[in-house]
Amino acid sequence: MTDSEIYEYIGAKIRQVRLNKGMSQAELAEKAELSLPSISNIELGKSKMKLASFIRIADALQVSTEELASDGREVMSADNLSEVLSKLTEAESESIKRVISEIIKWMPNKND
């Protein structure tokens, strides 16, 4: 992704979350302590926002910055690992287990 594509993606995500929360651009601007034109330009991907603005927007929308920046792919957690493995073939599951074993071998030992 180019820089402009990233800003467009995040801007669209901000707009989507704002609309899902029934919030106007003016309300978001007020809560995030930004100008209305700034919110409009950010949502359109026309403005390179500062990190502080990004954090204020996330706070105003009551979502994490990760939610605004993520592409929607689920991050694997320990809680859902066994469920995911159960949907794989035995060969796929064994391959994943070997990869995990190799990764663990290269991790620093916490007892050292």
PDB file of N, CA and C in Angstrom:
ATOM      1  N   MET A   1       0.835  -1.196   0.000  1.00  0.00           N
ATOM      2  CA  MET A   1       0.000   0.000   0.000  1.00  0.00           C
ATOM      3  C   MET A   1       0.872   1.249   0.000  1.00  0.00           C
ATOM      4  N   THR A   2       0.478   2.208  -0.786  1.00  0.00           N
ATOM      5  CA  THR A   2       1.182   3.494  -0.777  1.00  0.00           C
ATOM      6  C   THR A   2       0.688   4.313   0.416  1.00  0.00           C
ATOM      7  N   ASP A   3       1.408   5.369   0.729  1.00  0.00           N
ATOM      8  CA  ASP A   3       0.987   6.241   1.829  1.00  0.00           C
ATOM      9  C   ASP A   3      -0.418   6.781   1.598  1.00  0.00           C
ATOM     10  N   SER A   4      -0.692   7.223   0.371  1.00  0.00           N
ATOM     11  CA  SER A   4      -2.011   7.798   0.095  1.00  0.00           C
ATOM     12  C   SER A   4      -3.104   6.739   0.225  1.00  0.00           C
ATOM     13  N   GLU A   5      -2.813   5.505  -0.157  1.00  0.00           N
ATOM     14  CA  GLU A   5      -3.801   4.432   0.003  1.00  0.00           C
ATOM     15  C   GLU A   5      -4.069   4.137   1.476  1.00  0.00           C
ATOM     16  N   ILE A   6      -3.031   4.225   2.280  1.00  0.00           N
ATOM     17  CA  ILE A   6      -3.196   4.007   3.726  1.00  0.00           C
ATOM     18  C   ILE A   6      -4.092   5.087   4.314  1.00  0.00           C
ATOM     19  N   TYR A   7      -3.832   6.344   3.971  1.00  0.00           N
ATOM     20  CA  TYR A   7      -4.657   7.437   4.490  1.00  0.00           C
ATOM     21  C   TYR A   7      -6.099   7.324   4.016  1.00  0.00           C
ATOM     22  N   GLU A   8      -6.285   6.902   2.762  1.00  0.00           N
ATOM     23  CA  GLU A   8      -7.644   6.711   2.241  1.00  0.00           C
ATOM     24  C   GLU A   8      -8.347   5.577   2.976  1.00  0.00           C
ATOM     25  N   TYR A   9      -7.642   4.486   3.226  1.00  0.00           N
ATOM     26  CA  TYR A   9      -8.216   3.339   3.920  1.00  0.00           C
ATOM     27  C   TYR A   9      -8.631   3.723   5.340  1.00  0.00           C
ATOM     28  N   ILE A  10      -7.718   4.368   6.069  1.00  0.00           N
ATOM     29  CA  ILE A  10      -8.018   4.754   7.451  1.00  0.00           C
ATOM     30  C   ILE A  10      -9.126   5.791   7.481  1.00  0.00           C
ATOM     31  N   GLY A  11      -9.114   6.731   6.548  1.00  0.00           N
ATOM     32  CA  GLY A  11     -10.182   7.727   6.476  1.00  0.00           C
ATOM     33  C   GLY A  11     -11.537   7.088   6.255  1.00  0.00           C
ATOM     34  N   ALA A  12     -11.581   6.113   5.351  1.00  0.00           N
ATOM     35  CA  ALA A  12     -12.841   5.405   5.087  1.00  0.00           C
ATOM     36  C   ALA A  12     -13.288   4.615   6.311  1.00  0.00           C
ATOM     37  N   LYS A  13     -12.319   4.054   7.025  1.00  0.00           N
ATOM     38  CA  LYS A  13     -12.639   3.291   8.245  1.00  0.00           C
ATOM     39  C   LYS A  13     -13.198   4.232   9.321  1.00  0.00           C
ATOM     40  N   ILE A  14     -12.618   5.402   9.459  1.00  0.00           N
ATOM     41  CA  ILE A  14     -13.109   6.396  10.420  1.00  0.00           C
ATOM     42  C   ILE A  14     -14.547   6.771  10.062  1.00  0.00           C
ATOM     43  N   ARG A  15     -14.785   7.025   8.791  1.00  0.00           N
ATOM     44  CA  ARG A  15     -16.141   7.388   8.333  1.00  0.00           C
ATOM     45  C   ARG A  15     -17.129   6.268   8.636  1.00  0.00           C
ATOM     46  N   GLN A  16     -16.742   5.032   8.346  1.00  0.00           N
ATOM     47  CA  GLN A  16     -17.612   3.877   8.577  1.00  0.00           C
ATOM     48  C   GLN A  16     -17.972   3.750  10.060  1.00  0.00           C
ATOM     49  N   VAL A  17     -16.977   3.857  10.921  1.00  0.00           N
ATOM     50  CA  VAL A  17     -17.224   3.744  12.358  1.00  0.00           C
ATOM     51  C   VAL A  17     -18.106   4.900  12.831  1.00  0.00           C
ATOM     52  N   ARG A  18     -17.800   6.100  12.353  1.00  0.00           N
ATOM     53  CA  ARG A  18     -18.593   7.272  12.746  1.00  0.00           C
ATOM     54  C   ARG A  18     -20.055   7.086  12.354  1.00  0.00           C
ATOM     55  N   LEU A  19     -20.295   6.659  11.120  1.00  0.00           N
ATOM     56  CA  LEU A  19     -21.672   6.462  10.659  1.00  0.00           C
ATOM     57  C   LEU A  19     -22.368   5.344  11.425  1.00  0.00           C
ATOM     58  N   ASN A  20     -21.634   4.265  11.718  1.00  0.00           N
ATOM     59  CA  ASN A  20     -22.211   3.164  12.495  1.00  0.00           C
ATOM     60  C   ASN A  20     -22.627   3.608  13.890  1.00  0.00           C
ATOM     61  N   LYS A  21     -21.964   4.631  14.393  1.00  0.00           N
ATOM     62  CA  LYS A  21     -22.284   5.156  15.718  1.00  0.00           C
ATOM     63  C   LYS A  21     -23.307   6.289  15.649  1.00  0.00           C
ATOM     64  N   GLY A  22     -23.782   6.594  14.432  1.00  0.00           N
ATOM     65  CA  GLY A  22     -24.784   7.641  14.254  1.00  0.00           C
ATOM     66  C   GLY A  22     -24.266   9.027  14.573  1.00  0.00           C
ATOM     67  N   MET A  23     -22.992   9.239  14.328  1.00  0.00           N
ATOM     68  CA  MET A  23     -22.351  10.505  14.672  1.00  0.00           C
ATOM     69  C   MET A  23     -22.113  11.317  13.408  1.00  0.00           C
ATOM     70  N   SER A  24     -22.341  12.609  13.479  1.00  0.00           N
ATOM     71  CA  SER A  24     -22.057  13.486  12.347  1.00  0.00           C
ATOM     72  C   SER A  24     -20.573  13.869  12.355  1.00  0.00           C
ATOM     73  N   GLN A  25     -20.113  14.398  11.228  1.00  0.00           N
ATOM     74  CA  GLN A  25     -18.737  14.889  11.178  1.00  0.00           C
ATOM     75  C   GLN A  25     -18.532  16.011  12.189  1.00  0.00           C
ATOM     76  N   ALA A  26     -19.547  16.852  12.348  1.00  0.00           N
ATOM     77  CA  ALA A  26     -19.449  17.966  13.298  1.00  0.00           C
ATOM     78  C   ALA A  26     -19.295  17.449  14.731  1.00  0.00           C
ATOM     79  N   GLU A  27     -20.063  16.419  15.065  1.00  0.00           N
ATOM     80  CA  GLU A  27     -19.952  15.841  16.416  1.00  0.00           C
ATOM     81  C   GLU A  27     -18.571  15.233  16.638  1.00  0.00           C
ATOM     82  N   LEU A  28     -18.076  14.517  15.630  1.00  0.00           N
ATOM     83  CA  LEU A  28     -16.748  13.922  15.753  1.00  0.00           C
ATOM     84  C   LEU A  28     -15.690  15.015  15.881  1.00  0.00           C
ATOM     85  N   ALA A  29     -15.810  16.050  15.080  1.00  0.00           N
ATOM     86  CA  ALA A  29     -14.848  17.156  15.147  1.00  0.00           C
ATOM     87  C   ALA A  29     -14.825  17.774  16.536  1.00  0.00           C
ATOM     88  N   GLU A  30     -15.999  17.981  17.108  1.00  0.00           N
ATOM     89  CA  GLU A  30     -16.082  18.575  18.447  1.00  0.00           C
ATOM     90  C   GLU A  30     -15.463  17.656  19.495  1.00  0.00           C
ATOM     91  N   LYS A  31     -15.824  16.378  19.451  1.00  0.00           N
ATOM     92  CA  LYS A  31     -15.312  15.431  20.446  1.00  0.00           C
ATOM     93  C   LYS A  31     -13.808  15.208  20.307  1.00  0.00           C
ATOM     94  N   ALA A  32     -13.301  15.255  19.087  1.00  0.00           N
ATOM     95  CA  ALA A  32     -11.872  15.024  18.847  1.00  0.00           C
ATOM     96  C   ALA A  32     -11.067  16.319  18.918  1.00  0.00           C
ATOM     97  N   GLU A  33     -11.753  17.430  19.119  1.00  0.00           N
ATOM     98  CA  GLU A  33     -11.123  18.752  19.191  1.00  0.00           C
ATOM     99  C   GLU A  33     -10.345  19.065  17.907  1.00  0.00           C
ATOM    100  N   LEU A  34     -11.019  18.779  16.779  1.00  0.00           N
ATOM    101  CA  LEU A  34     -10.472  19.086  15.459  1.00  0.00           C
ATOM    102  C   LEU A  34     -11.501  19.899  14.692  1.00  0.00           C
ATOM    103  N   SER A  35     -11.077  20.534  13.629  1.00  0.00           N
ATOM    104  CA  SER A  35     -12.021  21.316  12.827  1.00  0.00           C
ATOM    105  C   SER A  35     -12.844  20.390  11.930  1.00  0.00           C
ATOM    106  N   LEU A  36     -14.020  20.849  11.551  1.00  0.00           N
ATOM    107  CA  LEU A  36     -14.876  20.087  10.646  1.00  0.00           C
ATOM    108  C   LEU A  36     -14.177  19.820   9.307  1.00  0.00           C
ATOM    109  N   PRO A  37     -13.524  20.837   8.690  1.00  0.00           N
ATOM    110  CA  PRO A  37     -12.805  20.552   7.440  1.00  0.00           C
ATOM    111  C   PRO A  37     -11.699  19.497   7.621  1.00  0.00           C
ATOM    112  N   SER A  38     -11.070  19.478   8.788  1.00  0.00           N
ATOM    113  CA  SER A  38     -10.030  18.466   9.044  1.00  0.00           C
ATOM    114  C   SER A  38     -10.627  17.072   9.034  1.00  0.00           C
ATOM    115  N   ILE A  39     -11.769  16.895   9.708  1.00  0.00           N
ATOM    116  CA  ILE A  39     -12.429  15.584   9.734  1.00  0.00           C
ATOM    117  C   ILE A  39     -12.823  15.170   8.322  1.00  0.00           C
ATOM    118  N   SER A  40     -13.388  16.093   7.570  1.00  0.00           N
ATOM    119  CA  SER A  40     -13.795  15.804   6.197  1.00  0.00           C
ATOM    120  C   SER A  40     -12.598  15.358   5.358  1.00  0.00           C
ATOM    121  N   ASN A  41     -11.504  16.108   5.435  1.00  0.00           N
ATOM    122  CA  ASN A  41     -10.306  15.777   4.663  1.00  0.00           C
ATOM    123  C   ASN A  41      -9.684  14.450   5.110  1.00  0.00           C
ATOM    124  N   ILE A  42      -9.720  14.168   6.407  1.00  0.00           N
ATOM    125  CA  ILE A  42      -9.189  12.903   6.917  1.00  0.00           C
ATOM    126  C   ILE A  42     -10.023  11.746   6.387  1.00  0.00           C
ATOM    127  N   GLU A  43     -11.352  11.867   6.444  1.00  0.00           N
ATOM    128  CA  GLU A  43     -12.223  10.799   5.968  1.00  0.00           C
ATOM    129  C   GLU A  43     -12.065  10.551   4.470  1.00  0.00           C
ATOM    130  N   LEU A  44     -11.743  11.575   3.724  1.00  0.00           N
ATOM    131  CA  LEU A  44     -11.550  11.441   2.284  1.00  0.00           C
ATOM    132  C   LEU A  44     -10.125  11.011   1.926  1.00  0.00           C
ATOM    133  N   GLY A  45      -9.270  10.909   2.928  1.00  0.00           N
ATOM    134  CA  GLY A  45      -7.883  10.533   2.681  1.00  0.00           C
ATOM    135  C   GLY A  45      -7.062  11.632   2.053  1.00  0.00           C
ATOM    136  N   LYS A  46      -7.554  12.861   2.135  1.00  0.00           N
ATOM    137  CA  LYS A  46      -6.862  13.998   1.526  1.00  0.00           C
ATOM    138  C   LYS A  46      -5.869  14.658   2.476  1.00  0.00           C
ATOM    139  N   SER A  47      -5.941  14.284   3.748  1.00  0.00           N
ATOM    140  CA  SER A  47      -5.116  14.932   4.753  1.00  0.00           C
ATOM    141  C   SER A  47      -4.266  13.905   5.483  1.00  0.00           C
ATOM    142  N   LYS A  48      -2.992  14.219   5.644  1.00  0.00           N
ATOM    143  CA  LYS A  48      -2.113  13.373   6.441  1.00  0.00           C
ATOM    144  C   LYS A  48      -2.238  13.825   7.899  1.00  0.00           C
ATOM    145  N   MET A  49      -2.985  13.059   8.664  1.00  0.00           N
ATOM    146  CA  MET A  49      -3.219  13.468  10.046  1.00  0.00           C
ATOM    147  C   MET A  49      -2.029  13.138  10.926  1.00  0.00           C
ATOM    148  N   LYS A  50      -1.903  13.915  11.971  1.00  0.00           N
ATOM    149  CA  LYS A  50      -0.867  13.668  12.961  1.00  0.00           C
ATOM    150  C   LYS A  50      -1.309  12.510  13.846  1.00  0.00           C
ATOM    151  N   LEU A  51      -0.346  11.872  14.461  1.00  0.00           N
ATOM    152  CA  LEU A  51      -0.638  10.754  15.352  1.00  0.00           C
ATOM    153  C   LEU A  51      -1.581  11.187  16.472  1.00  0.00           C
ATOM    154  N   ALA A  52      -1.369  12.377  17.015  1.00  0.00           N
ATOM    155  CA  ALA A  52      -2.233  12.874  18.094  1.00  0.00           C
ATOM    156  C   ALA A  52      -3.673  13.004  17.620  1.00  0.00           C
ATOM    157  N   SER A  53      -3.870  13.436  16.390  1.00  0.00           N
ATOM    158  CA  SER A  53      -5.227  13.557  15.837  1.00  0.00           C
ATOM    159  C   SER A  53      -5.862  12.183  15.683  1.00  0.00           C
ATOM    160  N   PHE A  54      -5.081  11.219  15.213  1.00  0.00           N
ATOM    161  CA  PHE A  54      -5.568   9.858  15.042  1.00  0.00           C
ATOM    162  C   PHE A  54      -6.031   9.286  16.391  1.00  0.00           C
ATOM    163  N   ILE A  55      -5.248   9.514  17.420  1.00  0.00           N
ATOM    164  CA  ILE A  55      -5.595   9.015  18.753  1.00  0.00           C
ATOM    165  C   ILE A  55      -6.843   9.725  19.274  1.00  0.00           C
ATOM    166  N   ARG A  56      -6.944  11.039  19.065  1.00  0.00           N
ATOM    167  CA  ARG A  56      -8.135  11.776  19.520  1.00  0.00           C
ATOM    168  C   ARG A  56      -9.385  11.306  18.788  1.00  0.00           C
ATOM    169  N   ILE A  57      -9.261  11.010  17.499  1.00  0.00           N
ATOM    170  CA  ILE A  57     -10.409  10.512  16.734  1.00  0.00           C
ATOM    171  C   ILE A  57     -10.841   9.148  17.276  1.00  0.00           C
ATOM    172  N   ALA A  58      -9.879   8.266  17.509  1.00  0.00           N
ATOM    173  CA  ALA A  58     -10.210   6.939  18.061  1.00  0.00           C
ATOM    174  C   ALA A  58     -10.898   7.086  19.414  1.00  0.00           C
ATOM    175  N   ASP A  59     -10.369   7.950  20.260  1.00  0.00           N
ATOM    176  CA  ASP A  59     -10.984   8.186  21.576  1.00  0.00           C
ATOM    177  C   ASP A  59     -12.402   8.726  21.433  1.00  0.00           C
ATOM    178  N   ALA A  60     -12.589   9.675  20.531  1.00  0.00           N
ATOM    179  CA  ALA A  60     -13.911  10.271  20.315  1.00  0.00           C
ATOM    180  C   ALA A  60     -14.909   9.236  19.811  1.00  0.00           C
ATOM    181  N   LEU A  61     -14.428   8.289  19.009  1.00  0.00           N
ATOM    182  CA  LEU A  61     -15.292   7.232  18.479  1.00  0.00           C
ATOM    183  C   LEU A  61     -15.416   6.055  19.454  1.00  0.00           C
ATOM    184  N   GLN A  62     -14.644   6.105  20.515  1.00  0.00           N
ATOM    185  CA  GLN A  62     -14.616   5.053  21.537  1.00  0.00           C
ATOM    186  C   GLN A  62     -14.249   3.700  20.940  1.00  0.00           C
ATOM    187  N   VAL A  63     -13.201   3.719  20.106  1.00  0.00           N
ATOM    188  CA  VAL A  63     -12.640   2.498  19.535  1.00  0.00           C
ATOM    189  C   VAL A  63     -11.117   2.573  19.682  1.00  0.00           C
ATOM    190  N   SER A  64     -10.464   1.450  19.510  1.00  0.00           N
ATOM    191  CA  SER A  64      -9.003   1.437  19.581  1.00  0.00           C
ATOM    192  C   SER A  64      -8.412   1.931  18.261  1.00  0.00           C
ATOM    193  N   THR A  65      -7.196   2.435  18.346  1.00  0.00           N
ATOM    194  CA  THR A  65      -6.501   2.830  17.126  1.00  0.00           C
ATOM    195  C   THR A  65      -6.266   1.597  16.261  1.00  0.00           C
ATOM    196  N   GLU A  66      -6.086   0.450  16.888  1.00  0.00           N
ATOM    197  CA  GLU A  66      -5.907  -0.802  16.149  1.00  0.00           C
ATOM    198  C   GLU A  66      -7.134  -1.104  15.295  1.00  0.00           C
ATOM    199  N   GLU A  67      -8.318  -0.868  15.853  1.00  0.00           N
ATOM    200  CA  GLU A  67      -9.542  -1.122  15.086  1.00  0.00           C
ATOM    201  C   GLU A  67      -9.619  -0.217  13.857  1.00  0.00           C
ATOM    202  N   LEU A  68      -9.190   1.027  14.005  1.00  0.00           N
ATOM    203  CA  LEU A  68      -9.239   1.956  12.877  1.00  0.00           C
ATOM    204  C   LEU A  68      -8.177   1.646  11.834  1.00  0.00           C
ATOM    205  N   ALA A  69      -7.061   1.087  12.255  1.00  0.00           N
ATOM    206  CA  ALA A  69      -5.957   0.847  11.325  1.00  0.00           C
ATOM    207  C   ALA A  69      -5.933  -0.568  10.772  1.00  0.00           C
ATOM    208  N   SER A  70      -6.656  -1.484  11.401  1.00  0.00           N
ATOM    209  CA  SER A  70      -6.582  -2.880  10.952  1.00  0.00           C
ATOM    210  C   SER A  70      -7.365  -3.087   9.666  1.00  0.00           C
ATOM    211  N   ASP A  71      -6.986  -4.119   8.961  1.00  0.00           N
ATOM    212  CA  ASP A  71      -7.657  -4.422   7.697  1.00  0.00           C
ATOM    213  C   ASP A  71      -8.761  -5.455   7.871  1.00  0.00           C
ATOM    214  N   GLY A  72      -9.100  -5.763   9.102  1.00  0.00           N
ATOM    215  CA  GLY A  72     -10.212  -6.663   9.356  1.00  0.00           C
ATOM    216  C   GLY A  72      -9.842  -8.121   9.489  1.00  0.00           C
ATOM    217  N   ARG A  73      -8.594  -8.446   9.173  1.00  0.00           N
ATOM    218  CA  ARG A  73      -8.188  -9.841   9.350  1.00  0.00           C
ATOM    219  C   ARG A  73      -8.068 -10.144  10.831  1.00  0.00           C
ATOM    220  N   GLU A  74      -8.587 -11.288  11.197  1.00  0.00           N
ATOM    221  CA  GLU A  74      -8.561 -11.679  12.602  1.00  0.00           C
ATOM    222  C   GLU A  74      -7.154 -12.088  12.997  1.00  0.00           C
ATOM    223  N   VAL A  75      -6.726 -11.619  14.157  1.00  0.00           N
ATOM    224  CA  VAL A  75      -5.435 -11.999  14.692  1.00  0.00           C
ATOM    225  C   VAL A  75      -5.637 -13.271  15.512  1.00  0.00           C
ATOM    226  N   MET A  76      -4.785 -14.237  15.308  1.00  0.00           N
ATOM    227  CA  MET A  76      -4.907 -15.510  15.995  1.00  0.00           C
ATOM    228  C   MET A  76      -4.652 -15.315  17.487  1.00  0.00           C
ATOM    229  N   SER A  77      -5.498 -15.893  18.286  1.00  0.00           N
ATOM    230  CA  SER A  77      -5.308 -15.844  19.735  1.00  0.00           C
ATOM    231  C   SER A  77      -5.237 -17.264  20.266  1.00  0.00           C
ATOM    232  N   ALA A  78      -4.700 -17.394  21.455  1.00  0.00           N
ATOM    233  CA  ALA A  78      -4.605 -18.714  22.079  1.00  0.00           C
ATOM    234  C   ALA A  78      -5.989 -19.313  22.274  1.00  0.00           C
ATOM    235  N   ASP A  79      -6.979 -18.462  22.514  1.00  0.00           N
ATOM    236  CA  ASP A  79      -8.339 -18.937  22.759  1.00  0.00           C
ATOM    237  C   ASP A  79      -8.956 -19.619  21.546  1.00  0.00           C
ATOM    238  N   ASN A  80      -8.631 -19.138  20.339  1.00  0.00           N
ATOM    239  CA  ASN A  80      -9.265 -19.738  19.171  1.00  0.00           C
ATOM    240  C   ASN A  80      -8.336 -20.624  18.354  1.00  0.00           C
ATOM    241  N   LEU A  81      -7.115 -20.858  18.826  1.00  0.00           N
ATOM    242  CA  LEU A  81      -6.171 -21.690  18.098  1.00  0.00           C
ATOM    243  C   LEU A  81      -6.682 -23.118  17.925  1.00  0.00           C
ATOM    244  N   SER A  82      -7.177 -23.738  18.984  1.00  0.00           N
ATOM    245  CA  SER A  82      -7.635 -25.127  18.866  1.00  0.00           C
ATOM    246  C   SER A  82      -8.835 -25.230  17.929  1.00  0.00           C
ATOM    247  N   GLU A  83      -9.703 -24.227  17.928  1.00  0.00           N
ATOM    248  CA  GLU A  83     -10.850 -24.229  17.019  1.00  0.00           C
ATOM    249  C   GLU A  83     -10.388 -24.168  15.565  1.00  0.00           C
ATOM    250  N   VAL A  84      -9.424 -23.308  15.307  1.00  0.00           N
ATOM    251  CA  VAL A  84      -8.897 -23.168  13.951  1.00  0.00           C
ATOM    252  C   VAL A  84      -8.213 -24.467  13.522  1.00  0.00           C
ATOM    253  N   LEU A  85      -7.397 -25.047  14.406  1.00  0.00           N
ATOM    254  CA  LEU A  85      -6.704 -26.295  14.084  1.00  0.00           C
ATOM    255  C   LEU A  85      -7.685 -27.431  13.825  1.00  0.00           C
ATOM    256  N   SER A  86      -8.801 -27.429  14.526  1.00  0.00           N
ATOM    257  CA  SER A  86      -9.776 -28.508  14.358  1.00  0.00           C
ATOM    258  C   SER A  86     -10.428 -28.488  12.968  1.00  0.00           C
ATOM    259  N   LYS A  87     -10.375 -27.344  12.284  1.00  0.00           N
ATOM    260  CA  LYS A  87     -10.983 -27.226  10.959  1.00  0.00           C
ATOM    261  C   LYS A  87     -10.017 -27.612   9.835  1.00  0.00           C
ATOM    262  N   LEU A  88      -8.761 -27.872  10.193  1.00  0.00           N
ATOM    263  CA  LEU A  88      -7.751 -28.218   9.197  1.00  0.00           C
ATOM    264  C   LEU A  88      -7.683 -29.727   9.009  1.00  0.00           C
ATOM    265  N   THR A  89      -7.108 -30.118   7.887  1.00  0.00           N
ATOM    266  CA  THR A  89      -6.842 -31.544   7.699  1.00  0.00           C
ATOM    267  C   THR A  89      -5.730 -31.937   8.661  1.00  0.00           C
ATOM    268  N   GLU A  90      -5.544 -33.229   8.849  1.00  0.00           N
ATOM    269  CA  GLU A  90      -4.487 -33.690   9.754  1.00  0.00           C
ATOM    270  C   GLU A  90      -3.116 -33.232   9.267  1.00  0.00           C
ATOM    271  N   ALA A  91      -2.888 -33.293   7.960  1.00  0.00           N
ATOM    272  CA  ALA A  91      -1.601 -32.862   7.400  1.00  0.00           C
ATOM    273  C   ALA A  91      -1.374 -31.363   7.617  1.00  0.00           C
ATOM    274  N   GLU A  92      -2.428 -30.554   7.401  1.00  0.00           N
ATOM    275  CA  GLU A  92      -2.310 -29.102   7.629  1.00  0.00           C
ATOM    276  C   GLU A  92      -2.033 -28.807   9.102  1.00  0.00           C
ATOM    277  N   SER A  93      -2.730 -29.497   9.966  1.00  0.00           N
ATOM    278  CA  SER A  93      -2.554 -29.309  11.403  1.00  0.00           C
ATOM    279  C   SER A  93      -1.129 -29.655  11.834  1.00  0.00           C
ATOM    280  N   GLU A  94      -0.602 -30.763  11.319  1.00  0.00           N
ATOM    281  CA  GLU A  94       0.766 -31.167  11.653  1.00  0.00           C
ATOM    282  C   GLU A  94       1.776 -30.147  11.141  1.00  0.00           C
ATOM    283  N   SER A  95       1.548 -29.609   9.958  1.00  0.00           N
ATOM    284  CA  SER A  95       2.447 -28.585   9.411  1.00  0.00           C
ATOM    285  C   SER A  95       2.474 -27.350  10.300  1.00  0.00           C
ATOM    286  N   ILE A  96       1.294 -26.933  10.742  1.00  0.00           N
ATOM    287  CA  ILE A  96       1.200 -25.764  11.624  1.00  0.00           C
ATOM    288  C   ILE A  96       1.918 -26.043  12.938  1.00  0.00           C
ATOM    289  N   LYS A  97       1.725 -27.204  13.493  1.00  0.00           N
ATOM    290  CA  LYS A  97       2.377 -27.565  14.756  1.00  0.00           C
ATOM    291  C   LYS A  97       3.897 -27.557  14.608  1.00  0.00           C
ATOM    292  N   ARG A  98       4.413 -28.040  13.456  1.00  0.00           N
ATOM    293  CA  ARG A  98       5.858 -28.023  13.225  1.00  0.00           C
ATOM    294  C   ARG A  98       6.377 -26.582  13.147  1.00  0.00           C
ATOM    295  N   VAL A  99       5.638 -25.737  12.472  1.00  0.00           N
ATOM    296  CA  VAL A  99       6.049 -24.327  12.360  1.00  0.00           C
ATOM    297  C   VAL A  99       6.094 -23.687  13.742  1.00  0.00           C
ATOM    298  N   ILE A 100       5.059 -23.928  14.536  1.00  0.00           N
ATOM    299  CA  ILE A 100       5.016 -23.364  15.891  1.00  0.00           C
ATOM    300  C   ILE A 100       6.176 -23.894  16.726  1.00  0.00           C
ATOM    301  N   SER A 101       6.470 -25.182  16.611  1.00  0.00           N
ATOM    302  CA  SER A 101       7.597 -25.775  17.352  1.00  0.00           C
ATOM    303  C   SER A 101       8.909 -25.111  16.976  1.00  0.00           C
ATOM    304  N   GLU A 102       9.109 -24.863  15.688  1.00  0.00           N
ATOM    305  CA  GLU A 102      10.338 -24.197  15.238  1.00  0.00           C
ATOM    306  C   GLU A 102      10.426 -22.771  15.772  1.00  0.00           C
ATOM    307  N   ILE A 103       9.322 -22.072  15.757  1.00  0.00           N
ATOM    308  CA  ILE A 103       9.310 -20.697  16.290  1.00  0.00           C
ATOM    309  C   ILE A 103       9.682 -20.703  17.762  1.00  0.00           C
ATOM    310  N   ILE A 104       9.101 -21.627  18.511  1.00  0.00           N
ATOM    311  CA  ILE A 104       9.378 -21.716  19.947  1.00  0.00           C
ATOM    312  C   ILE A 104      10.853 -21.998  20.199  1.00  0.00           C
ATOM    313  N   LYS A 105      11.486 -22.840  19.364  1.00  0.00           N
ATOM    314  CA  LYS A 105      12.910 -23.143  19.524  1.00  0.00           C
ATOM    315  C   LYS A 105      13.762 -21.882  19.431  1.00  0.00           C
ATOM    316  N   TRP A 106      13.345 -20.933  18.606  1.00  0.00           N
ATOM    317  CA  TRP A 106      14.133 -19.724  18.370  1.00  0.00           C
ATOM    318  C   TRP A 106      13.782 -18.580  19.318  1.00  0.00           C
ATOM    319  N   MET A 107      12.793 -18.783  20.152  1.00  0.00           N
ATOM    320  CA  MET A 107      12.407 -17.734  21.110  1.00  0.00           C
ATOM    321  C   MET A 107      13.391 -17.734  22.273  1.00  0.00           C
ATOM    322  N   PRO A 108      13.671 -16.551  22.808  1.00  0.00           N
ATOM    323  CA  PRO A 108      14.566 -16.507  23.970  1.00  0.00           C
ATOM    324  C   PRO A 108      13.930 -17.273  25.130  1.00  0.00           C
ATOM    325  N   ASN A 109      14.772 -18.002  25.835  1.00  0.00           N
ATOM    326  CA  ASN A 109      14.295 -18.761  26.980  1.00  0.00           C
ATOM    327  C   ASN A 109      14.071 -17.805  28.148  1.00  0.00           C
ATOM    328  N   LYS A 110      12.884 -17.801  28.691  1.00  0.00           N
ATOM    329  CA  LYS A 110      12.566 -16.872  29.779  1.00  0.00           C
ATOM    330  C   LYS A 110      13.231 -17.254  31.089  1.00  0.00           C
ATOM    331  N   ASN A 111      13.777 -18.467  31.148  1.00  0.00           N
ATOM    332  CA  ASN A 111      14.440 -18.917  32.375  1.00  0.00           C
ATOM    333  C   ASN A 111      15.923 -18.594  32.370  1.00  0.00           C
ATOM    334  N   ASP A 112      16.447 -18.052  31.268  1.00  0.00           N
ATOM    335  CA  ASP A 112      17.888 -17.725  31.203  1.00  0.00           C
ATOM    336  C   ASP A 112      18.208 -16.494  31.984  1.00  0.00           C
TER     337      ASP A 112
END
